[in-house]
Amino acid sequence: MDVIYSLIPGMIFFGLVFVGVLIWAIKRGQYEDLEGDGNRILMDEDGDQDKPLEPGERRKRVGLNFPDDD
């Protein structure tokens, strides 16, 4: 029973620390754009997709083997 007298103040301390970290994260903007990171990983950042291709040139695709001589 004596241990409960030390656990209650400890849990109150950790609860206050958690609330402080939550308030800090909200003020830093961690919860403003919840869907942006999930969509940004799917976007291609090369930027050369708009460049027209030369005759005989092929566009290299990521993740596929692309032999140069065929």
PDB file of N, CA and C in Angstrom:
ATOM      1  N   MET A   1       0.823  -1.197   0.000  1.00  0.00           N
ATOM      2  CA  MET A   1       0.000   0.000   0.000  1.00  0.00           C
ATOM      3  C   MET A   1       0.864   1.257   0.000  1.00  0.00           C
ATOM      4  N   ASP A   2       2.086   1.115   0.521  1.00  0.00           N
ATOM      5  CA  ASP A   2       2.956   2.285   0.564  1.00  0.00           C
ATOM      6  C   ASP A   2       3.416   2.703  -0.816  1.00  0.00           C
ATOM      7  N   VAL A   3       3.476   1.728  -1.746  1.00  0.00           N
ATOM      8  CA  VAL A   3       3.957   2.052  -3.072  1.00  0.00           C
ATOM      9  C   VAL A   3       2.989   2.963  -3.815  1.00  0.00           C
ATOM     10  N   ILE A   4       1.723   2.894  -3.492  1.00  0.00           N
ATOM     11  CA  ILE A   4       0.741   3.729  -4.187  1.00  0.00           C
ATOM     12  C   ILE A   4       0.954   5.212  -3.874  1.00  0.00           C
ATOM     13  N   TYR A   5       1.489   5.483  -2.727  1.00  0.00           N
ATOM     14  CA  TYR A   5       1.742   6.892  -2.369  1.00  0.00           C
ATOM     15  C   TYR A   5       2.888   7.484  -3.196  1.00  0.00           C
ATOM     16  N   SER A   6       3.738   6.623  -3.702  1.00  0.00           N
ATOM     17  CA  SER A   6       4.805   7.139  -4.572  1.00  0.00           C
ATOM     18  C   SER A   6       4.401   7.075  -6.048  1.00  0.00           C
ATOM     19  N   LEU A   7       3.489   6.167  -6.408  1.00  0.00           N
ATOM     20  CA  LEU A   7       3.070   6.065  -7.804  1.00  0.00           C
ATOM     21  C   LEU A   7       2.132   7.199  -8.228  1.00  0.00           C
ATOM     22  N   ILE A   8       1.267   7.629  -7.361  1.00  0.00           N
ATOM     23  CA  ILE A   8       0.310   8.688  -7.722  1.00  0.00           C
ATOM     24  C   ILE A   8       1.021   9.988  -8.088  1.00  0.00           C
ATOM     25  N   PRO A   9       1.940  10.488  -7.294  1.00  0.00           N
ATOM     26  CA  PRO A   9       2.653  11.718  -7.735  1.00  0.00           C
ATOM     27  C   PRO A   9       3.480  11.496  -8.991  1.00  0.00           C
ATOM     28  N   GLY A  10       4.038  10.289  -9.161  1.00  0.00           N
ATOM     29  CA  GLY A  10       4.805   9.994 -10.372  1.00  0.00           C
ATOM     30  C   GLY A  10       3.930  10.026 -11.608  1.00  0.00           C
ATOM     31  N   MET A  11       2.741   9.451 -11.535  1.00  0.00           N
ATOM     32  CA  MET A  11       1.829   9.447 -12.681  1.00  0.00           C
ATOM     33  C   MET A  11       1.301  10.848 -12.971  1.00  0.00           C
ATOM     34  N   ILE A  12       1.068  11.632 -11.929  1.00  0.00           N
ATOM     35  CA  ILE A  12       0.654  13.018 -12.148  1.00  0.00           C
ATOM     36  C   ILE A  12       1.774  13.788 -12.850  1.00  0.00           C
ATOM     37  N   PHE A  13       3.018  13.541 -12.448  1.00  0.00           N
ATOM     38  CA  PHE A  13       4.158  14.203 -13.095  1.00  0.00           C
ATOM     39  C   PHE A  13       4.245  13.808 -14.564  1.00  0.00           C
ATOM     40  N   PHE A  14       4.152  12.490 -14.875  1.00  0.00           N
ATOM     41  CA  PHE A  14       4.232  12.060 -16.267  1.00  0.00           C
ATOM     42  C   PHE A  14       3.034  12.551 -17.083  1.00  0.00           C
ATOM     43  N   GLY A  15       1.872  12.655 -16.462  1.00  0.00           N
ATOM     44  CA  GLY A  15       0.704  13.212 -17.153  1.00  0.00           C
ATOM     45  C   GLY A  15       0.913  14.661 -17.521  1.00  0.00           C
ATOM     46  N   LEU A  16       1.484  15.434 -16.604  1.00  0.00           N
ATOM     47  CA  LEU A  16       1.756  16.848 -16.896  1.00  0.00           C
ATOM     48  C   LEU A  16       2.821  16.995 -17.980  1.00  0.00           C
ATOM     49  N   VAL A  17       3.825  16.122 -17.946  1.00  0.00           N
ATOM     50  CA  VAL A  17       4.850  16.148 -18.994  1.00  0.00           C
ATOM     51  C   VAL A  17       4.220  15.821 -20.349  1.00  0.00           C
ATOM     52  N   PHE A  18       3.329  14.818 -20.402  1.00  0.00           N
ATOM     53  CA  PHE A  18       2.670  14.457 -21.648  1.00  0.00           C
ATOM     54  C   PHE A  18       1.821  15.616 -22.168  1.00  0.00           C
ATOM     55  N   VAL A  19       1.072  16.268 -21.308  1.00  0.00           N
ATOM     56  CA  VAL A  19       0.249  17.410 -21.737  1.00  0.00           C
ATOM     57  C   VAL A  19       1.146  18.544 -22.230  1.00  0.00           C
ATOM     58  N   GLY A  20       2.275  18.757 -21.584  1.00  0.00           N
ATOM     59  CA  GLY A  20       3.212  19.795 -22.038  1.00  0.00           C
ATOM     60  C   GLY A  20       3.781  19.494 -23.412  1.00  0.00           C
ATOM     61  N   VAL A  21       4.141  18.227 -23.645  1.00  0.00           N
ATOM     62  CA  VAL A  21       4.670  17.844 -24.959  1.00  0.00           C
ATOM     63  C   VAL A  21       3.583  17.960 -26.016  1.00  0.00           C
ATOM     64  N   LEU A  22       2.350  17.605 -25.681  1.00  0.00           N
ATOM     65  CA  LEU A  22       1.240  17.727 -26.627  1.00  0.00           C
ATOM     66  C   LEU A  22       0.995  19.185 -26.998  1.00  0.00           C
ATOM     67  N   ILE A  23       0.989  20.066 -26.028  1.00  0.00           N
ATOM     68  CA  ILE A  23       0.796  21.500 -26.304  1.00  0.00           C
ATOM     69  C   ILE A  23       1.963  22.041 -27.137  1.00  0.00           C
ATOM     70  N   TRP A  24       3.173  21.621 -26.829  1.00  0.00           N
ATOM     71  CA  TRP A  24       4.343  22.050 -27.601  1.00  0.00           C
ATOM     72  C   TRP A  24       4.225  21.590 -29.061  1.00  0.00           C
ATOM     73  N   ALA A  25       3.782  20.344 -29.275  1.00  0.00           N
ATOM     74  CA  ALA A  25       3.655  19.825 -30.641  1.00  0.00           C
ATOM     75  C   ALA A  25       2.566  20.549 -31.410  1.00  0.00           C
ATOM     76  N   ILE A  26       1.483  20.883 -30.749  1.00  0.00           N
ATOM     77  CA  ILE A  26       0.396  21.609 -31.428  1.00  0.00           C
ATOM     78  C   ILE A  26       0.860  23.002 -31.811  1.00  0.00           C
ATOM     79  N   LYS A  27       1.592  23.675 -30.932  1.00  0.00           N
ATOM     80  CA  LYS A  27       2.090  25.016 -31.253  1.00  0.00           C
ATOM     81  C   LYS A  27       3.135  24.996 -32.353  1.00  0.00           C
ATOM     82  N   ARG A  28       3.891  23.905 -32.494  1.00  0.00           N
ATOM     83  CA  ARG A  28       4.899  23.787 -33.553  1.00  0.00           C
ATOM     84  C   ARG A  28       4.288  23.402 -34.890  1.00  0.00           C
ATOM     85  N   GLY A  29       2.990  23.071 -34.932  1.00  0.00           N
ATOM     86  CA  GLY A  29       2.311  22.768 -36.177  1.00  0.00           C
ATOM     87  C   GLY A  29       2.405  21.325 -36.606  1.00  0.00           C
ATOM     88  N   GLN A  30       2.617  20.412 -35.679  1.00  0.00           N
ATOM     89  CA  GLN A  30       2.733  18.999 -36.029  1.00  0.00           C
ATOM     90  C   GLN A  30       1.422  18.408 -36.520  1.00  0.00           C
ATOM     91  N   TYR A  31       0.301  19.004 -36.173  1.00  0.00           N
ATOM     92  CA  TYR A  31      -0.996  18.440 -36.530  1.00  0.00           C
ATOM     93  C   TYR A  31      -1.736  19.282 -37.555  1.00  0.00           C
ATOM     94  N   GLU A  32      -1.077  20.217 -38.225  1.00  0.00           N
ATOM     95  CA  GLU A  32      -1.763  21.085 -39.179  1.00  0.00           C
ATOM     96  C   GLU A  32      -2.050  20.378 -40.497  1.00  0.00           C
ATOM     97  N   ASP A  33      -1.112  19.606 -41.036  1.00  0.00           N
ATOM     98  CA  ASP A  33      -1.281  18.958 -42.331  1.00  0.00           C
ATOM     99  C   ASP A  33      -1.120  17.448 -42.148  1.00  0.00           C
ATOM    100  N   LEU A  34      -2.207  16.776 -41.822  1.00  0.00           N
ATOM    101  CA  LEU A  34      -2.128  15.350 -41.543  1.00  0.00           C
ATOM    102  C   LEU A  34      -2.082  14.508 -42.810  1.00  0.00           C
ATOM    103  N   GLU A  35      -2.619  15.009 -43.926  1.00  0.00           N
ATOM    104  CA  GLU A  35      -2.664  14.225 -45.163  1.00  0.00           C
ATOM    105  C   GLU A  35      -1.537  14.573 -46.125  1.00  0.00           C
ATOM    106  N   GLY A  36      -0.850  15.677 -45.927  1.00  0.00           N
ATOM    107  CA  GLY A  36       0.172  16.125 -46.866  1.00  0.00           C
ATOM    108  C   GLY A  36       1.354  15.186 -46.965  1.00  0.00           C
ATOM    109  N   ASP A  37       1.847  14.705 -45.848  1.00  0.00           N
ATOM    110  CA  ASP A  37       3.003  13.800 -45.883  1.00  0.00           C
ATOM    111  C   ASP A  37       2.667  12.490 -46.566  1.00  0.00           C
ATOM    112  N   GLY A  38       1.466  11.986 -46.357  1.00  0.00           N
ATOM    113  CA  GLY A  38       1.058  10.751 -47.003  1.00  0.00           C
ATOM    114  C   GLY A  38       0.960  10.896 -48.514  1.00  0.00           C
ATOM    115  N   ASN A  39       0.555  12.060 -48.991  1.00  0.00           N
ATOM    116  CA  ASN A  39       0.448  12.285 -50.431  1.00  0.00           C
ATOM    117  C   ASN A  39       1.784  12.672 -51.045  1.00  0.00           C
ATOM    118  N   ARG A  40       2.634  13.368 -50.302  1.00  0.00           N
ATOM    119  CA  ARG A  40       3.916  13.836 -50.825  1.00  0.00           C
ATOM    120  C   ARG A  40       4.856  12.684 -51.179  1.00  0.00           C
ATOM    121  N   ILE A  41       4.732  11.558 -50.502  1.00  0.00           N
ATOM    122  CA  ILE A  41       5.603  10.423 -50.773  1.00  0.00           C
ATOM    123  C   ILE A  41       5.280   9.800 -52.126  1.00  0.00           C
ATOM    124  N   LEU A  42       4.089  10.025 -52.636  1.00  0.00           N
ATOM    125  CA  LEU A  42       3.694   9.462 -53.919  1.00  0.00           C
ATOM    126  C   LEU A  42       4.061  10.359 -55.093  1.00  0.00           C
ATOM    127  N   MET A  43       4.426  11.612 -54.835  1.00  0.00           N
ATOM    128  CA  MET A  43       4.739  12.552 -55.902  1.00  0.00           C
ATOM    129  C   MET A  43       6.164  12.363 -56.409  1.00  0.00           C
ATOM    130  N   ASP A  44       6.343  12.559 -57.705  1.00  0.00           N
ATOM    131  CA  ASP A  44       7.654  12.448 -58.323  1.00  0.00           C
ATOM    132  C   ASP A  44       8.330  13.806 -58.274  1.00  0.00           C
ATOM    133  N   GLU A  45       9.575  13.840 -57.792  1.00  0.00           N
ATOM    134  CA  GLU A  45      10.260  15.112 -57.618  1.00  0.00           C
ATOM    135  C   GLU A  45      11.313  15.373 -58.683  1.00  0.00           C
ATOM    136  N   ASP A  46      11.383  14.530 -59.711  1.00  0.00           N
ATOM    137  CA  ASP A  46      12.411  14.714 -60.721  1.00  0.00           C
ATOM    138  C   ASP A  46      12.226  16.010 -61.495  1.00  0.00           C
ATOM    139  N   GLY A  47      11.045  16.329 -61.898  1.00  0.00           N
ATOM    140  CA  GLY A  47      10.805  17.574 -62.598  1.00  0.00           C
ATOM    141  C   GLY A  47      11.160  17.540 -64.065  1.00  0.00           C
ATOM    142  N   ASP A  48      11.796  16.455 -64.554  1.00  0.00           N
ATOM    143  CA  ASP A  48      12.150  16.402 -65.963  1.00  0.00           C
ATOM    144  C   ASP A  48      11.066  15.695 -66.777  1.00  0.00           C
ATOM    145  N   GLN A  49       9.930  15.476 -66.192  1.00  0.00           N
ATOM    146  CA  GLN A  49       8.834  14.830 -66.895  1.00  0.00           C
ATOM    147  C   GLN A  49       8.234  15.757 -67.953  1.00  0.00           C
ATOM    148  N   ASP A  50       8.389  17.062 -67.770  1.00  0.00           N
ATOM    149  CA  ASP A  50       7.816  18.020 -68.709  1.00  0.00           C
ATOM    150  C   ASP A  50       8.730  18.253 -69.910  1.00  0.00           C
ATOM    151  N   LYS A  51       9.992  17.862 -69.803  1.00  0.00           N
ATOM    152  CA  LYS A  51      10.942  18.090 -70.878  1.00  0.00           C
ATOM    153  C   LYS A  51      10.628  17.172 -72.063  1.00  0.00           C
ATOM    154  N   PRO A  52      10.562  17.721 -73.288  1.00  0.00           N
ATOM    155  CA  PRO A  52      10.278  16.859 -74.440  1.00  0.00           C
ATOM    156  C   PRO A  52      11.458  15.935 -74.715  1.00  0.00           C
ATOM    157  N   LEU A  53      11.154  14.747 -75.199  1.00  0.00           N
ATOM    158  CA  LEU A  53      12.187  13.756 -75.478  1.00  0.00           C
ATOM    159  C   LEU A  53      12.746  13.959 -76.871  1.00  0.00           C
ATOM    160  N   GLU A  54      14.045  13.672 -77.020  1.00  0.00           N
ATOM    161  CA  GLU A  54      14.695  13.682 -78.330  1.00  0.00           C
ATOM    162  C   GLU A  54      14.274  12.427 -79.094  1.00  0.00           C
ATOM    163  N   PRO A  55      14.360  12.435 -80.414  1.00  0.00           N
ATOM    164  CA  PRO A  55      14.039  11.224 -81.171  1.00  0.00           C
ATOM    165  C   PRO A  55      14.967  10.078 -80.780  1.00  0.00           C
ATOM    166  N   GLY A  56      14.412   8.936 -80.491  1.00  0.00           N
ATOM    167  CA  GLY A  56      15.183   7.766 -80.084  1.00  0.00           C
ATOM    168  C   GLY A  56      15.481   7.722 -78.597  1.00  0.00           C
ATOM    169  N   GLU A  57      15.124   8.735 -77.863  1.00  0.00           N
ATOM    170  CA  GLU A  57      15.379   8.785 -76.420  1.00  0.00           C
ATOM    171  C   GLU A  57      14.178   8.227 -75.671  1.00  0.00           C
ATOM    172  N   ARG A  58      14.473   7.492 -74.628  1.00  0.00           N
ATOM    173  CA  ARG A  58      13.393   6.956 -73.810  1.00  0.00           C
ATOM    174  C   ARG A  58      13.514   7.500 -72.405  1.00  0.00           C
ATOM    175  N   ARG A  59      12.399   7.633 -71.787  1.00  0.00           N
ATOM    176  CA  ARG A  59      12.383   8.142 -70.416  1.00  0.00           C
ATOM    177  C   ARG A  59      12.639   6.993 -69.453  1.00  0.00           C
ATOM    178  N   LYS A  60      13.567   7.192 -68.537  1.00  0.00           N
ATOM    179  CA  LYS A  60      13.927   6.176 -67.555  1.00  0.00           C
ATOM    180  C   LYS A  60      12.889   6.156 -66.442  1.00  0.00           C
ATOM    181  N   ARG A  61      12.427   4.962 -66.124  1.00  0.00           N
ATOM    182  CA  ARG A  61      11.443   4.820 -65.063  1.00  0.00           C
ATOM    183  C   ARG A  61      12.113   4.266 -63.822  1.00  0.00           C
ATOM    184  N   VAL A  62      11.741   4.773 -62.688  1.00  0.00           N
ATOM    185  CA  VAL A  62      12.346   4.369 -61.428  1.00  0.00           C
ATOM    186  C   VAL A  62      11.855   2.973 -61.055  1.00  0.00           C
ATOM    187  N   GLY A  63      12.776   2.139 -60.625  1.00  0.00           N
ATOM    188  CA  GLY A  63      12.416   0.832 -60.120  1.00  0.00           C
ATOM    189  C   GLY A  63      12.460  -0.255 -61.170  1.00  0.00           C
ATOM    190  N   LEU A  64      12.744   0.070 -62.411  1.00  0.00           N
ATOM    191  CA  LEU A  64      12.801  -0.933 -63.457  1.00  0.00           C
ATOM    192  C   LEU A  64      14.211  -0.962 -64.038  1.00  0.00           C
ATOM    193  N   ASN A  65      14.635  -2.130 -64.454  1.00  0.00           N
ATOM    194  CA  ASN A  65      15.908  -2.227 -65.150  1.00  0.00           C
ATOM    195  C   ASN A  65      15.741  -1.605 -66.516  1.00  0.00           C
ATOM    196  N   PHE A  66      16.697  -0.814 -66.909  1.00  0.00           N
ATOM    197  CA  PHE A  66      16.574  -0.076 -68.156  1.00  0.00           C
ATOM    198  C   PHE A  66      17.866  -0.239 -68.940  1.00  0.00           C
ATOM    199  N   PRO A  67      17.929  -1.241 -69.814  1.00  0.00           N
ATOM    200  CA  PRO A  67      19.164  -1.419 -70.581  1.00  0.00           C
ATOM    201  C   PRO A  67      19.367  -0.265 -71.558  1.00  0.00           C
ATOM    202  N   ASP A  68      20.609   0.174 -71.665  1.00  0.00           N
ATOM    203  CA  ASP A  68      20.907   1.310 -72.537  1.00  0.00           C
ATOM    204  C   ASP A  68      20.986   0.915 -74.001  1.00  0.00           C
ATOM    205  N   ASP A  69      21.372  -0.325 -74.295  1.00  0.00           N
ATOM    206  CA  ASP A  69      21.595  -0.733 -75.675  1.00  0.00           C
ATOM    207  C   ASP A  69      20.524  -1.695 -76.139  1.00  0.00           C
ATOM    208  N   ASP A  70      19.360  -1.236 -76.434  1.00  0.00           N
ATOM    209  CA  ASP A  70      18.384  -2.111 -77.098  1.00  0.00           C
ATOM    210  C   ASP A  70      17.562  -1.365 -78.084  1.00  0.00           C
TER     211      ASP A  70
END
